[in-house]
Protein backbone atom coordinates (compact mmCIF):
# COMPACT_ATOMS: atom_id res chain seq x y z
CA MET A 1 17.16 7.03 26.82
CA SER A 2 19.79 8.12 24.38
CA ILE A 3 18.73 8.92 20.87
CA VAL A 4 21.34 9.24 18.15
CA GLU A 5 20.90 12.79 16.91
CA SER A 6 22.63 12.18 13.56
CA ASN A 7 19.62 10.25 12.26
CA SER A 8 16.35 11.94 11.38
CA GLU A 9 14.52 8.75 12.41
CA TYR A 10 15.04 6.12 15.04
CA LYS A 11 13.28 2.93 16.09
CA ILE A 12 11.29 2.28 19.22
CA VAL A 13 9.78 -0.91 20.56
CA THR A 14 6.22 -0.35 21.77
CA PHE A 15 4.53 -2.23 24.60
CA THR A 16 1.48 -1.97 26.81
CA LEU A 17 0.96 -1.56 30.53
CA GLY A 18 -2.76 -1.80 31.17
CA LYS A 19 -4.33 0.18 28.33
CA GLN A 20 -1.40 2.61 28.02
CA LEU A 21 1.07 2.35 25.13
CA PHE A 22 4.75 3.00 25.89
CA GLY A 23 7.93 2.95 23.85
CA ILE A 24 11.66 2.71 24.44
CA ASP A 25 14.56 3.34 22.11
CA MET A 26 15.57 0.09 20.34
CA THR A 27 19.25 0.79 21.05
CA SER A 28 18.54 0.19 24.77
CA LEU A 29 16.83 -3.17 24.17
CA ILE A 30 18.94 -6.31 24.66
CA GLU A 31 16.20 -8.92 24.25
CA ILE A 32 12.58 -9.82 24.85
CA ARG A 33 12.02 -12.83 27.12
CA GLU A 34 8.99 -14.87 28.04
CA TRP A 35 7.85 -14.30 31.61
CA GLU A 36 9.40 -16.63 34.14
CA GLN A 37 9.16 -16.17 37.88
CA PRO A 38 12.35 -14.46 39.13
CA THR A 39 14.12 -15.41 42.35
CA PRO A 40 12.85 -12.99 45.03
CA LEU A 41 15.28 -10.86 47.06
CA PRO A 42 14.79 -9.50 50.59
CA GLY A 43 15.13 -5.80 51.38
CA VAL A 44 14.46 -4.37 47.92
CA PRO A 45 11.56 -2.11 46.85
CA SER A 46 8.30 -3.95 46.08
CA TYR A 47 8.55 -3.15 42.37
CA ILE A 48 11.73 -5.25 42.09
CA LYS A 49 10.28 -8.72 41.50
CA GLY A 50 13.62 -10.47 41.99
CA VAL A 51 16.47 -11.58 39.77
CA THR A 52 16.87 -13.93 36.82
CA ASN A 53 19.87 -15.44 35.07
CA LEU A 54 20.63 -14.13 31.59
CA ARG A 55 23.49 -16.11 30.05
CA GLY A 56 25.42 -16.16 33.32
CA ASN A 57 24.54 -12.60 34.39
CA VAL A 58 22.23 -11.87 37.30
CA VAL A 59 19.57 -9.43 36.04
CA PRO A 60 17.02 -7.70 38.29
CA VAL A 61 13.40 -7.89 37.13
CA VAL A 62 11.30 -4.76 37.70
CA GLY A 63 7.51 -4.55 37.65
CA LEU A 64 7.33 -1.50 35.39
CA ALA A 65 3.70 -0.68 36.19
CA GLU A 66 4.52 -0.63 39.91
CA ARG A 67 7.66 1.44 39.27
CA LEU A 68 5.44 4.03 37.59
CA GLY A 69 3.16 4.05 40.65
CA TRP A 70 0.35 2.01 39.09
CA GLU A 71 -1.24 -1.27 40.14
CA ALA A 72 0.89 -4.33 39.46
CA SER A 73 0.51 -6.01 36.08
CA ILE A 74 -1.65 -9.12 36.05
CA LEU A 75 0.36 -11.97 34.57
CA HIS A 76 -1.05 -13.64 31.45
CA ALA A 77 0.15 -15.56 28.38
CA ARG A 78 1.54 -12.44 26.63
CA SER A 79 3.36 -11.00 29.68
CA CYS A 80 7.06 -10.69 28.97
CA ILE A 81 10.30 -9.15 30.14
CA LEU A 82 12.10 -6.45 28.16
CA VAL A 83 15.79 -6.77 29.02
CA VAL A 84 17.38 -3.34 28.62
CA ASN A 85 20.69 -1.61 29.13
CA ILE A 86 20.53 1.34 31.55
CA ALA A 87 23.82 3.17 32.01
CA GLY A 88 25.81 0.00 31.35
CA LYS A 89 23.68 -2.19 33.64
CA GLN A 90 21.08 -4.73 32.58
CA ALA A 91 17.52 -4.76 33.91
CA GLY A 92 14.38 -6.64 32.96
CA PHE A 93 11.03 -4.83 32.85
CA LEU A 94 7.81 -6.81 33.23
CA VAL A 95 5.34 -5.51 30.62
CA ASP A 96 1.86 -6.67 29.67
CA GLU A 97 2.58 -7.18 25.98
CA VAL A 98 5.12 -6.17 23.33
CA ASN A 99 3.35 -4.61 20.35
CA ASP A 100 5.59 -3.49 17.51
CA ILE A 101 8.83 -1.90 16.37
CA VAL A 102 8.16 1.52 14.87
CA SER A 103 10.36 4.11 13.13
CA ILE A 104 9.69 7.65 14.27
CA ALA A 105 11.13 11.00 13.26
CA HIS A 106 12.99 13.05 15.87
CA ASP A 107 10.84 16.07 15.13
CA ALA A 108 7.63 14.04 15.73
CA VAL A 109 8.45 13.67 19.43
CA GLN A 110 6.64 16.21 21.59
CA THR A 111 7.72 17.29 25.06
CA PRO A 112 5.36 16.01 27.78
CA PRO A 113 3.34 18.73 29.53
CA GLU A 114 4.64 20.05 32.87
CA MET A 115 2.46 18.69 35.68
CA GLU A 116 2.77 18.13 39.40
CA GLY A 117 3.63 14.52 40.32
CA GLY A 118 2.91 11.70 37.93
CA GLU A 119 5.38 9.95 35.67
CA GLN A 120 5.94 12.84 33.22
CA ASN A 121 9.48 13.22 34.59
CA MET A 122 10.08 9.61 33.50
CA LEU A 123 9.09 10.44 29.92
CA ILE A 124 11.39 11.70 27.23
CA GLY A 125 8.40 12.64 25.08
CA LEU A 126 5.15 11.68 23.41
CA VAL A 127 4.59 10.68 19.81
CA GLN A 128 1.57 9.78 17.66
CA ILE A 129 1.92 6.56 15.67
CA ASP A 130 -0.29 4.79 13.15
CA VAL A 131 -1.78 1.52 14.36
CA ARG A 132 -1.02 -1.54 12.29
CA GLY A 133 -3.21 -4.59 12.53
CA THR A 134 -6.72 -5.57 11.57
CA ASP A 135 -8.61 -3.60 8.94
CA SER A 136 -10.85 -2.06 11.62
CA GLU A 137 -7.77 -0.70 13.45
CA ALA A 138 -5.55 0.23 10.49
CA GLY A 139 -4.98 3.93 9.99
CA ARG A 140 -5.98 4.86 13.55
CA GLN A 141 -3.44 6.94 15.47
CA VAL A 142 -2.47 6.41 19.11
CA MET A 143 -0.26 8.33 21.52
CA VAL A 144 2.90 6.56 22.72
CA SER A 145 4.66 7.67 25.90
CA LEU A 146 8.43 7.37 25.38
CA LEU A 147 10.13 6.28 28.60
CA ASP A 148 13.38 7.85 29.72
CA LEU A 149 15.12 4.77 31.14
CA ASP A 150 17.80 6.86 32.88
CA ALA A 151 15.10 8.83 34.74
CA LEU A 152 13.58 5.70 36.25
CA SER A 153 16.30 6.02 38.94
CA LEU A 154 16.97 2.31 39.18
CA THR A 155 20.77 2.46 39.35
CA ARG A 156 21.09 2.28 43.12
CA HIS A 157 18.50 -0.51 43.32
CA LEU A 158 20.13 -2.36 40.41
CA ASP A 159 23.42 -2.31 42.35
CA ILE A 160 21.63 -3.81 45.37
CA ALA A 161 19.79 -6.45 43.30
CA ALA A 162 22.79 -7.47 41.21
């Protein structure tokens, strides 16, 4: 995830996997697509769901929850694919639901704690954001895990899938 350092704020798109809230830098996002079953491929890791066609380009679709080592997402009406640019290659990430676009300050991002295993090495940081929505939720703060798309190590698998 590359963040332009010249700005004091940048935008992230937030989304859920299970009950966890994640975010990615908006500059990496190409588009948000409704879920459609991708064409499966043989010989790829189980978290690569297959490929889809995006305006003439073959784009691999990754089950993000599985890539993080969690149980696969259960498909429902709000499931969608975030099409992103990772090191000049396109990939689609299956997420449970897209939530919001939020501006955050660079200095609000905290370094994730050092721990054995887990997905902390796939995080660029953590940030608290205010929840928008119904009156009962408004003003509540939640922690967002900011994904480091480059650290997801998909490049080799993207080359195979595409």
